[in-house]
Amino acid sequence: MANHKQAIKRHKQSVKRRSTNRFFMSTMRTHLKRARHALTGEDKDLANDLVKNAAAYINKVASKGIIHRNKASRLVSRMSKRFNVTFEK
């Protein structure tokens, strides 16, 4: 354990950041799972709403610096592409 006052403070900060980051990552994964599941179904409106919500949340997480902006872009792009392929017919 840390002995210096500043090291103790930094440890507390890292614990808090880890907790926040885990929450955002977990929520992001849930949004992705719901959107991907909706893409396997037949309801285009529901899938569209879930894909938009997931994309917005992914961009929010990226803007906070929790994931890299390129990863966010890649996730949104792949999800949008899958939506277009599925419901283009």
C-alpha atoms as a PDB file:
ATOM      1  CA  MET A   1       0.000   0.000   0.000  1.00  0.00           C
ATOM      2  CA  ALA A   2       1.059   3.560  -0.634  1.00  0.00           C
ATOM      3  CA  ASN A   3       2.856   5.438   2.121  1.00  0.00           C
ATOM      4  CA  HIS A   4       2.991   8.996   0.781  1.00  0.00           C
ATOM      5  CA  LYS A   5      -0.016  11.261   0.889  1.00  0.00           C
ATOM      6  CA  GLN A   6       0.032  11.868  -2.877  1.00  0.00           C
ATOM      7  CA  ALA A   7       0.340   8.164  -3.626  1.00  0.00           C
ATOM      8  CA  ILE A   8      -2.680   7.469  -1.417  1.00  0.00           C
ATOM      9  CA  LYS A   9      -4.641  10.129  -3.281  1.00  0.00           C
ATOM     10  CA  ARG A  10      -3.632   8.725  -6.672  1.00  0.00           C
ATOM     11  CA  HIS A  11      -4.695   5.250  -5.566  1.00  0.00           C
ATOM     12  CA  LYS A  12      -8.125   6.541  -4.522  1.00  0.00           C
ATOM     13  CA  GLN A  13      -8.467   8.288  -7.880  1.00  0.00           C
ATOM     14  CA  SER A  14      -7.523   5.171  -9.809  1.00  0.00           C
ATOM     15  CA  VAL A  15     -10.053   3.073  -7.902  1.00  0.00           C
ATOM     16  CA  LYS A  16     -12.796   5.591  -8.642  1.00  0.00           C
ATOM     17  CA  ARG A  17     -11.833   5.821 -12.335  1.00  0.00           C
ATOM     18  CA  ARG A  18     -11.756   2.045 -12.656  1.00  0.00           C
ATOM     19  CA  SER A  19     -15.243   1.793 -11.217  1.00  0.00           C
ATOM     20  CA  THR A  20     -16.576   4.467 -13.577  1.00  0.00           C
ATOM     21  CA  ASN A  21     -14.844   2.957 -16.598  1.00  0.00           C
ATOM     22  CA  ARG A  22     -16.187  -0.513 -15.796  1.00  0.00           C
ATOM     23  CA  PHE A  23     -19.722   0.890 -15.602  1.00  0.00           C
ATOM     24  CA  PHE A  24     -19.456   2.626 -18.975  1.00  0.00           C
ATOM     25  CA  MET A  25     -17.844  -0.380 -20.672  1.00  0.00           C
ATOM     26  CA  SER A  26     -20.439  -2.786 -19.294  1.00  0.00           C
ATOM     27  CA  THR A  27     -23.307  -0.540 -20.355  1.00  0.00           C
ATOM     28  CA  MET A  28     -21.767  -0.113 -23.801  1.00  0.00           C
ATOM     29  CA  ARG A  29     -21.498  -3.886 -24.242  1.00  0.00           C
ATOM     30  CA  THR A  30     -25.147  -4.257 -23.207  1.00  0.00           C
ATOM     31  CA  HIS A  31     -26.198  -1.695 -25.825  1.00  0.00           C
ATOM     32  CA  LEU A  32     -24.174  -3.567 -28.449  1.00  0.00           C
ATOM     33  CA  LYS A  33     -25.681  -6.931 -27.525  1.00  0.00           C
ATOM     34  CA  ARG A  34     -29.228  -5.567 -27.706  1.00  0.00           C
ATOM     35  CA  ALA A  35     -28.568  -3.968 -31.087  1.00  0.00           C
ATOM     36  CA  ARG A  36     -26.962  -7.117 -32.501  1.00  0.00           C
ATOM     37  CA  HIS A  37     -29.838  -9.237 -31.235  1.00  0.00           C
ATOM     38  CA  ALA A  38     -32.355  -6.862 -32.838  1.00  0.00           C
ATOM     39  CA  LEU A  39     -30.495  -7.153 -36.141  1.00  0.00           C
ATOM     40  CA  THR A  40     -31.242 -10.870 -36.228  1.00  0.00           C
ATOM     41  CA  GLY A  41     -34.969 -10.212 -35.867  1.00  0.00           C
ATOM     42  CA  GLU A  42     -37.568  -8.918 -38.303  1.00  0.00           C
ATOM     43  CA  ASP A  43     -38.556  -5.611 -36.654  1.00  0.00           C
ATOM     44  CA  LYS A  44     -36.777  -2.870 -38.597  1.00  0.00           C
ATOM     45  CA  ASP A  45     -38.021   0.027 -36.421  1.00  0.00           C
ATOM     46  CA  LEU A  46     -36.862  -1.588 -33.182  1.00  0.00           C
ATOM     47  CA  ALA A  47     -33.512  -2.462 -34.709  1.00  0.00           C
ATOM     48  CA  ASN A  48     -33.094   1.082 -36.023  1.00  0.00           C
ATOM     49  CA  ASP A  49     -33.796   2.576 -32.577  1.00  0.00           C
ATOM     50  CA  LEU A  50     -31.428   0.198 -30.819  1.00  0.00           C
ATOM     51  CA  VAL A  51     -28.648   0.767 -33.362  1.00  0.00           C
ATOM     52  CA  LYS A  52     -28.998   4.547 -33.000  1.00  0.00           C
ATOM     53  CA  ASN A  53     -28.959   4.321 -29.197  1.00  0.00           C
ATOM     54  CA  ALA A  54     -25.923   2.041 -29.242  1.00  0.00           C
ATOM     55  CA  ALA A  55     -24.067   4.336 -31.648  1.00  0.00           C
ATOM     56  CA  ALA A  56     -24.810   7.363 -29.483  1.00  0.00           C
ATOM     57  CA  TYR A  57     -23.621   5.571 -26.342  1.00  0.00           C
ATOM     58  CA  ILE A  58     -20.456   4.308 -28.035  1.00  0.00           C
ATOM     59  CA  ASN A  59     -19.621   7.848 -29.129  1.00  0.00           C
ATOM     60  CA  LYS A  60     -20.289   9.094 -25.602  1.00  0.00           C
ATOM     61  CA  VAL A  61     -17.858   6.538 -24.159  1.00  0.00           C
ATOM     62  CA  ALA A  62     -15.260   7.485 -26.769  1.00  0.00           C
ATOM     63  CA  SER A  63     -15.635  11.193 -26.002  1.00  0.00           C
ATOM     64  CA  LYS A  64     -14.851  10.434 -22.353  1.00  0.00           C
ATOM     65  CA  GLY A  65     -11.658   8.688 -23.434  1.00  0.00           C
ATOM     66  CA  ILE A  66     -12.671   5.290 -22.111  1.00  0.00           C
ATOM     67  CA  ILE A  67     -12.246   3.700 -25.531  1.00  0.00           C
ATOM     68  CA  HIS A  68     -10.240   4.987 -28.482  1.00  0.00           C
ATOM     69  CA  ARG A  69     -12.134   7.049 -31.039  1.00  0.00           C
ATOM     70  CA  ASN A  70     -11.045   4.719 -33.844  1.00  0.00           C
ATOM     71  CA  LYS A  71     -12.476   1.726 -31.994  1.00  0.00           C
ATOM     72  CA  ALA A  72     -15.735   3.609 -31.508  1.00  0.00           C
ATOM     73  CA  SER A  73     -15.846   4.456 -35.183  1.00  0.00           C
ATOM     74  CA  ARG A  74     -15.160   0.838 -36.127  1.00  0.00           C
ATOM     75  CA  LEU A  75     -17.918  -0.492 -33.852  1.00  0.00           C
ATOM     76  CA  VAL A  76     -20.488   1.992 -35.151  1.00  0.00           C
ATOM     77  CA  SER A  77     -19.481   1.385 -38.752  1.00  0.00           C
ATOM     78  CA  ARG A  78     -19.774  -2.381 -38.505  1.00  0.00           C
ATOM     79  CA  MET A  79     -23.107  -2.164 -36.725  1.00  0.00           C
ATOM     80  CA  SER A  80     -24.504   0.271 -39.315  1.00  0.00           C
ATOM     81  CA  LYS A  81     -23.240  -1.904 -42.145  1.00  0.00           C
ATOM     82  CA  ARG A  82     -24.895  -4.962 -40.640  1.00  0.00           C
ATOM     83  CA  PHE A  83     -28.151  -3.017 -40.280  1.00  0.00           C
ATOM     84  CA  ASN A  84     -28.071  -1.938 -43.926  1.00  0.00           C
ATOM     85  CA  VAL A  85     -27.312  -5.443 -45.165  1.00  0.00           C
ATOM     86  CA  THR A  86     -30.046  -6.985 -43.032  1.00  0.00           C
ATOM     87  CA  PHE A  87     -32.871  -4.581 -43.827  1.00  0.00           C
ATOM     88  CA  GLU A  88     -31.929  -3.515 -47.340  1.00  0.00           C
ATOM     89  CA  LYS A  89     -33.966  -6.310 -48.891  1.00  0.00           C
END
